[in-house]
Amino acid sequence: MDVNLETDFLRVTEKAAIAAARTMGYGDRKHADKVAVEAMRAEMDTLDINGTIVIGEGERDKAPLLYTGEKVGRGKAGSSGMHEVDIAVDPLEGTNLCATGTNNAIAVLAAGTKGGLLHAPDVYMQKIVVGPTARGFIDLDAPVKNNLRRIAKAFDRRMEDLTIVVLDRPRHEKLIQEIREAGSRIKLIGDGDLSAGLAAAIRGTHIHAVMGIGGAPEGVITAAALRCLNGEIQGRLVVMEDWHKKRLEDLGISDHDHVYSTEELASGDDVIFAASGVTKGDLLEGVRYFKHGVRVSSVVMSVATRTVRFIDSVYMEEEGELEVMR
């Protein structure tokens, strides 16, 4: 993929974040998601790509925009010479977080060369996520305490010094108990295990791992970021309801015990990941509005260029001068 696509995809997540942030605290998660989807979709169609949404807002009959299988970009009309790109999106990861004005809502996109992202079904996935320091030290099939011991060894510290992020869900009662019994600290989050996985992979956030069951599509997008950051995710699809099993059968997935590696989830030689903060978070600032414009904090990274860029963008109105930000 063209290196210029990094900037293009960054602009896509920025526009989604700006739109979503205007709804912060309104208490309407569906509306917040709707405006983020519309902004992301509109910007996507300005790009010189022949793109296919492989992970999106759902099936076509349930999602009018950014549905799985939808064609996006200027190349969808048949223009020749456009990059064929598979795209996974979460226009507003943390819809509840945005609706309530809580931290860590982000707009996210991952892109890879055709076939470079797993077409994950919209079911659950058991995951363990770590950054480059603990890469190679984890095993999804090992007891929780063993994984914590290995992660602590990788960081050369005690298990009591680790901070593990877990989604605050009833299904995690046993996991939470085991982490506490091992002596490690826990950060419970209401939503946003994708942003948590990103934070775990970047030093300075004081998050050492993410454990538990979350969405499978989010697992693929997390894997794209971890490919760029040399981190690691291991995931296993989880059947919790009858329709989950049928969904997997329809996709030809029969091995429910298979543990997917980072490279299986995001296999492309060229993978780009972009995320923009909607509300203030562990890694990114939220969108900030001022008199003549808006400021957005983002991260964009690429496997091909081996770069990770933290970018602060200011979108100015056509008229007026930029107000000094402090």
Protein backbone atom coordinates (compact mmCIF):
# COMPACT_ATOMS: atom_id res chain seq x y z
CA MET A 1 0.00 0.00 0.00
CA ASP A 2 1.07 3.56 -0.66
CA VAL A 3 2.66 5.24 2.36
CA ASN A 4 0.30 8.17 1.75
CA LEU A 5 -2.57 5.95 2.84
CA GLU A 6 -1.34 6.27 6.43
CA THR A 7 -2.26 9.97 6.34
CA ASP A 8 -5.48 9.24 4.47
CA PHE A 9 -6.67 6.65 6.98
CA LEU A 10 -5.68 8.95 9.85
CA ARG A 11 -7.97 11.61 8.42
CA VAL A 12 -10.81 9.06 8.32
CA THR A 13 -10.56 8.31 12.05
CA GLU A 14 -10.14 12.00 12.88
CA LYS A 15 -13.36 12.93 11.10
CA ALA A 16 -15.24 10.13 12.89
CA ALA A 17 -13.84 11.20 16.26
CA ILE A 18 -14.79 14.86 15.73
CA ALA A 19 -18.35 13.91 14.79
CA ALA A 20 -18.77 11.52 17.71
CA ALA A 21 -17.29 13.90 20.26
CA ARG A 22 -20.02 16.45 19.57
CA THR A 23 -22.48 13.97 21.08
CA MET A 24 -20.43 13.34 24.24
CA GLY A 25 -22.58 13.13 27.34
CA TYR A 26 -25.90 13.23 25.47
CA GLY A 27 -26.75 9.76 26.76
CA ASP A 28 -27.65 8.51 23.28
CA ARG A 29 -25.19 5.78 22.28
CA LYS A 30 -27.00 4.95 19.03
CA HIS A 31 -26.87 8.54 17.84
CA ALA A 32 -23.19 8.81 18.78
CA ASP A 33 -22.40 5.71 16.75
CA LYS A 34 -24.55 6.88 13.82
CA VAL A 35 -22.76 10.20 13.36
CA ALA A 36 -19.34 8.53 13.68
CA VAL A 37 -20.29 5.97 11.02
CA GLU A 38 -21.58 8.64 8.66
CA ALA A 39 -18.47 10.80 9.03
CA MET A 40 -16.11 7.85 8.59
CA ARG A 41 -18.00 6.57 5.54
CA ALA A 42 -18.07 9.98 3.85
CA GLU A 43 -14.32 10.49 4.27
CA MET A 44 -13.57 6.92 3.16
CA ASP A 45 -15.10 7.58 -0.24
CA THR A 46 -12.60 10.37 -0.94
CA LEU A 47 -9.65 7.96 -0.82
CA ASP A 48 -7.88 6.55 -3.88
CA ILE A 49 -8.56 2.93 -2.92
CA ASN A 50 -10.69 0.00 -3.98
CA GLY A 51 -11.63 -0.92 -0.43
CA THR A 52 -13.74 -3.70 1.04
CA ILE A 53 -15.13 -3.58 4.57
CA VAL A 54 -14.29 -6.99 6.08
CA ILE A 55 -15.22 -6.02 9.64
CA GLY A 56 -17.81 -3.32 10.04
CA GLU A 57 -21.12 -2.41 11.58
CA GLY A 58 -22.75 -5.75 10.81
CA GLU A 59 -24.57 -7.40 7.93
CA ARG A 60 -26.00 -5.26 5.14
CA ASP A 61 -29.62 -5.67 6.26
CA LYS A 62 -28.74 -4.34 9.71
CA ALA A 63 -26.22 -1.62 8.79
CA PRO A 64 -26.91 0.94 6.03
CA LEU A 65 -23.27 2.12 6.05
CA LEU A 66 -19.90 0.41 6.61
CA TYR A 67 -21.56 -2.98 6.55
CA THR A 68 -19.43 -6.10 6.11
CA GLY A 69 -18.75 -6.56 2.39
CA GLU A 70 -19.42 -2.94 1.43
CA LYS A 71 -17.14 -1.39 -1.18
CA VAL A 72 -15.59 1.97 -0.29
CA GLY A 73 -13.22 4.46 -1.87
CA ARG A 74 -13.04 6.01 -5.31
CA GLY A 75 -12.03 2.67 -6.81
CA LYS A 76 -15.39 1.06 -6.04
CA ALA A 77 -16.76 2.63 -9.22
CA GLY A 78 -14.28 0.64 -11.29
CA SER A 79 -11.45 3.17 -11.53
CA SER A 80 -8.26 1.31 -12.45
CA GLY A 81 -4.97 1.48 -10.59
CA MET A 82 -6.50 1.81 -7.12
CA HIS A 83 -5.05 -0.14 -4.19
CA GLU A 84 -7.16 -3.17 -3.24
CA VAL A 85 -7.51 -2.89 0.52
CA ASP A 86 -9.36 -4.87 3.18
CA ILE A 87 -10.59 -2.61 5.97
CA ALA A 88 -11.80 -3.26 9.52
CA VAL A 89 -13.52 -0.39 11.28
CA ASP A 90 -14.95 0.55 14.63
CA PRO A 91 -16.15 4.12 14.04
CA LEU A 92 -16.85 4.55 17.76
CA GLU A 93 -15.31 2.00 20.08
CA GLY A 94 -16.97 2.68 23.38
CA THR A 95 -20.38 4.03 22.41
CA ASN A 96 -21.47 3.98 26.05
CA LEU A 97 -18.25 5.76 27.03
CA CYS A 98 -19.00 8.59 24.62
CA ALA A 99 -22.67 8.76 25.61
CA THR A 100 -21.72 9.19 29.26
CA GLY A 101 -18.58 11.29 28.74
CA THR A 102 -16.37 8.56 30.18
CA ASN A 103 -12.70 8.07 29.27
CA ASN A 104 -11.24 5.93 26.44
CA ALA A 105 -13.76 6.22 23.61
CA ILE A 106 -11.90 6.12 20.28
CA ALA A 107 -12.48 5.95 16.52
CA VAL A 108 -10.50 3.10 14.97
CA LEU A 109 -9.55 1.69 11.59
CA ALA A 110 -7.24 -1.11 10.47
CA ALA A 111 -6.35 -1.81 6.85
CA GLY A 112 -4.38 -4.50 5.10
CA THR A 113 -3.63 -5.79 1.65
CA LYS A 114 -6.39 -8.00 0.26
CA GLY A 115 -6.79 -11.08 2.47
CA GLY A 116 -4.59 -9.58 5.17
CA LEU A 117 -7.23 -9.37 7.92
CA LEU A 118 -9.23 -12.31 9.31
CA HIS A 119 -12.93 -11.98 8.50
CA ALA A 120 -13.91 -12.55 12.13
CA PRO A 121 -17.54 -13.36 12.87
CA ASP A 122 -19.47 -11.11 15.22
CA VAL A 123 -19.13 -13.46 18.20
CA TYR A 124 -17.04 -13.46 21.36
CA MET A 125 -13.33 -14.16 21.65
CA GLN A 126 -11.27 -15.14 24.68
CA LYS A 127 -8.12 -13.02 24.58
CA ILE A 128 -4.85 -12.27 26.22
CA VAL A 129 -2.97 -9.19 25.01
CA VAL A 130 0.53 -7.97 25.86
CA GLY A 131 3.07 -5.55 24.47
CA PRO A 132 6.50 -6.31 23.00
CA THR A 133 8.13 -6.75 26.43
CA ALA A 134 6.02 -9.83 27.20
CA ARG A 135 5.76 -11.16 23.65
CA GLY A 136 6.44 -14.90 23.68
CA PHE A 137 5.73 -15.22 27.41
CA ILE A 138 1.97 -15.86 27.26
CA ASP A 139 -0.13 -18.96 26.67
CA LEU A 140 -3.92 -18.72 26.43
CA ASP A 141 -4.24 -22.35 27.57
CA ALA A 142 -2.12 -21.84 30.70
CA PRO A 143 -3.62 -21.03 34.13
CA VAL A 144 -4.07 -17.32 34.85
CA LYS A 145 -1.44 -17.36 37.61
CA ASN A 146 1.12 -18.92 35.27
CA ASN A 147 0.56 -16.21 32.68
CA LEU A 148 0.88 -13.50 35.32
CA ARG A 149 4.10 -15.06 36.57
CA ARG A 150 5.52 -15.13 33.04
CA ILE A 151 4.47 -11.55 32.33
CA ALA A 152 6.06 -10.40 35.59
CA LYS A 153 9.25 -12.21 34.61
CA ALA A 154 9.27 -10.47 31.24
CA PHE A 155 8.99 -7.08 32.94
CA ASP A 156 11.47 -8.10 35.67
CA ARG A 157 9.06 -7.22 38.45
CA ARG A 158 6.73 -8.84 40.97
CA MET A 159 3.25 -10.06 40.07
CA GLU A 160 1.96 -7.57 42.64
CA ASP A 161 3.29 -4.76 40.44
CA LEU A 162 1.30 -5.76 37.36
CA THR A 163 -1.90 -4.02 36.25
CA ILE A 164 -4.30 -6.18 34.24
CA VAL A 165 -7.29 -4.77 32.38
CA VAL A 166 -10.51 -6.80 32.47
CA LEU A 167 -13.97 -5.96 31.14
CA ASP A 168 -16.36 -5.59 34.05
CA ARG A 169 -18.76 -8.39 33.15
CA PRO A 170 -20.39 -11.23 35.16
CA ARG A 171 -18.62 -13.74 32.90
CA HIS A 172 -15.30 -12.60 34.34
CA GLU A 173 -15.99 -13.30 38.02
CA LYS A 174 -13.68 -16.35 38.08
CA LEU A 175 -10.95 -14.56 36.10
CA ILE A 176 -11.05 -11.55 38.43
CA GLN A 177 -10.84 -13.82 41.46
CA GLU A 178 -7.81 -15.65 40.05
CA ILE A 179 -5.98 -12.41 39.25
CA ARG A 180 -6.64 -11.11 42.76
CA GLU A 181 -5.49 -14.36 44.33
CA ALA A 182 -2.26 -14.09 42.36
CA GLY A 183 -1.75 -10.63 43.86
CA SER A 184 -1.87 -8.58 40.66
CA ARG A 185 -3.81 -5.35 40.36
CA ILE A 186 -6.91 -5.07 38.18
CA LYS A 187 -8.33 -2.18 36.21
CA LEU A 188 -11.99 -2.94 35.49
CA ILE A 189 -13.45 -1.19 32.45
CA GLY A 190 -17.06 -0.86 31.35
CA ASP A 191 -16.28 -0.90 27.61
CA GLY A 192 -13.37 -0.54 25.23
CA ASP A 193 -11.17 -3.62 25.33
CA LEU A 194 -9.68 -2.57 21.99
CA SER A 195 -8.31 0.69 23.41
CA ALA A 196 -7.13 -1.28 26.45
CA GLY A 197 -5.22 -3.68 24.21
CA LEU A 198 -3.58 -0.75 22.46
CA ALA A 199 -2.58 0.77 25.81
CA ALA A 200 -1.10 -2.55 26.96
CA ALA A 201 1.19 -2.59 23.92
CA ILE A 202 2.64 0.87 24.51
CA ARG A 203 5.01 1.57 27.38
CA GLY A 204 4.17 4.36 29.78
CA THR A 205 0.48 3.53 30.19
CA HIS A 206 1.19 1.29 33.23
CA ILE A 207 -1.05 -1.43 31.76
CA HIS A 208 0.72 -4.76 31.37
CA ALA A 209 -1.92 -7.04 29.87
CA VAL A 210 -5.56 -7.42 28.90
CA MET A 211 -7.38 -10.64 29.74
CA GLY A 212 -10.90 -11.95 29.27
CA ILE A 213 -13.68 -12.38 26.73
CA GLY A 214 -14.58 -9.58 24.35
CA GLY A 215 -15.64 -9.16 20.75
CA ALA A 216 -13.89 -11.17 18.03
CA PRO A 217 -13.92 -8.27 15.51
CA GLU A 218 -12.18 -6.08 18.09
CA GLY A 219 -9.62 -8.86 18.47
CA VAL A 220 -8.70 -8.61 14.79
CA ILE A 221 -8.34 -4.82 14.91
CA THR A 222 -6.23 -5.13 18.06
CA ALA A 223 -4.04 -7.67 16.26
CA ALA A 224 -3.44 -5.16 13.46
CA ALA A 225 -2.09 -2.66 15.99
CA LEU A 226 0.01 -5.31 17.71
CA ARG A 227 1.58 -6.32 14.38
CA CYS A 228 2.80 -2.74 14.10
CA LEU A 229 3.96 -2.60 17.74
CA ASN A 230 5.55 -6.07 17.98
CA GLY A 231 3.07 -6.99 20.68
CA GLU A 232 1.09 -10.22 20.93
CA ILE A 233 -2.51 -11.33 21.13
CA GLN A 234 -3.79 -14.87 21.44
CA GLY A 235 -7.49 -15.45 20.88
CA ARG A 236 -10.05 -18.23 20.76
CA LEU A 237 -13.59 -17.89 19.40
CA VAL A 238 -16.16 -18.50 22.12
CA VAL A 239 -19.62 -19.99 21.62
CA MET A 240 -21.90 -18.59 24.32
CA GLU A 241 -25.27 -18.83 22.57
CA ASP A 242 -26.84 -21.15 20.00
CA TRP A 243 -26.68 -18.55 17.26
CA HIS A 244 -22.93 -18.19 17.80
CA LYS A 245 -22.44 -21.85 16.88
CA LYS A 246 -24.61 -21.49 13.78
CA ARG A 247 -22.73 -18.34 12.78
CA LEU A 248 -19.42 -20.20 12.92
CA GLU A 249 -20.87 -23.15 11.00
CA ASP A 250 -22.12 -20.81 8.27
CA LEU A 251 -18.57 -19.47 7.91
CA GLY A 252 -17.08 -22.95 7.80
CA ILE A 253 -15.35 -22.64 11.19
CA SER A 254 -15.54 -26.02 12.93
CA ASP A 255 -12.53 -25.91 15.25
CA HIS A 256 -13.80 -23.89 18.22
CA ASP A 257 -10.66 -24.68 20.25
CA HIS A 258 -8.16 -23.16 17.83
CA VAL A 259 -5.99 -20.44 19.35
CA TYR A 260 -5.40 -17.67 16.83
CA SER A 261 -2.03 -15.92 16.86
CA THR A 262 -1.40 -12.25 16.10
CA GLU A 263 -0.21 -13.17 12.62
CA GLU A 264 -3.31 -15.28 11.90
CA LEU A 265 -5.65 -12.46 12.90
CA ALA A 266 -3.73 -9.82 10.92
CA SER A 267 -1.58 -11.66 8.39
CA GLY A 268 -0.94 -8.95 5.80
CA ASP A 269 2.59 -7.94 4.87
CA ASP A 270 1.38 -4.36 4.89
CA VAL A 271 -0.96 -3.42 7.75
CA ILE A 272 -1.96 0.10 8.78
CA PHE A 273 -3.69 1.01 12.04
CA ALA A 274 -5.13 4.40 12.96
CA ALA A 275 -7.02 5.58 16.04
CA SER A 276 -8.24 8.99 17.18
CA GLY A 277 -9.34 9.89 20.68
CA VAL A 278 -12.99 10.84 21.19
CA THR A 279 -12.92 11.21 24.97
CA LYS A 280 -9.77 11.59 27.04
CA GLY A 281 -8.03 8.26 27.59
CA ASP A 282 -4.99 6.39 28.82
CA LEU A 283 -3.24 6.85 25.48
CA LEU A 284 -4.94 9.66 23.57
CA GLU A 285 -6.50 12.99 24.45
CA GLY A 286 -10.13 13.48 23.60
CA VAL A 287 -11.38 15.90 20.96
CA ARG A 288 -11.07 19.51 22.10
CA TYR A 289 -13.13 22.32 20.57
CA PHE A 290 -12.14 25.97 20.66
CA LYS A 291 -13.24 29.26 19.14
CA HIS A 292 -12.04 28.74 15.57
CA GLY A 293 -11.43 25.06 15.25
CA VAL A 294 -10.98 21.63 16.77
CA ARG A 295 -8.00 19.62 17.98
CA VAL A 296 -7.67 15.83 17.67
CA SER A 297 -5.06 13.47 19.13
CA SER A 298 -4.32 10.31 17.16
CA VAL A 299 -1.89 7.48 16.58
CA VAL A 300 -1.12 5.94 13.19
CA MET A 301 1.22 3.03 12.62
CA SER A 302 2.37 0.74 9.85
CA VAL A 303 4.03 -2.65 9.52
CA ALA A 304 5.63 -1.76 6.18
CA THR A 305 7.25 1.50 7.29
CA ARG A 306 7.92 0.29 10.86
CA THR A 307 6.66 3.59 12.21
CA VAL A 308 4.41 4.68 15.06
CA ARG A 309 3.34 8.31 14.95
CA PHE A 310 1.45 10.21 17.64
CA ILE A 311 -0.15 13.17 15.91
CA ASP A 312 -1.97 16.24 17.18
CA SER A 313 -4.09 17.73 14.40
CA VAL A 314 -5.86 21.07 14.40
CA TYR A 315 -8.73 21.60 11.98
CA MET A 316 -9.29 25.34 11.60
CA GLU A 317 -12.41 27.07 10.39
CA GLU A 318 -12.13 28.91 7.11
CA GLU A 319 -12.53 32.25 8.86
CA GLY A 320 -10.88 33.41 12.07
CA GLU A 321 -7.57 32.94 13.82
CA LEU A 322 -6.34 30.00 15.82
CA GLU A 323 -6.78 30.36 19.56
CA VAL A 324 -3.76 29.45 21.66
CA MET A 325 -4.22 26.08 23.39
CA ARG A 326 -2.85 25.66 26.90
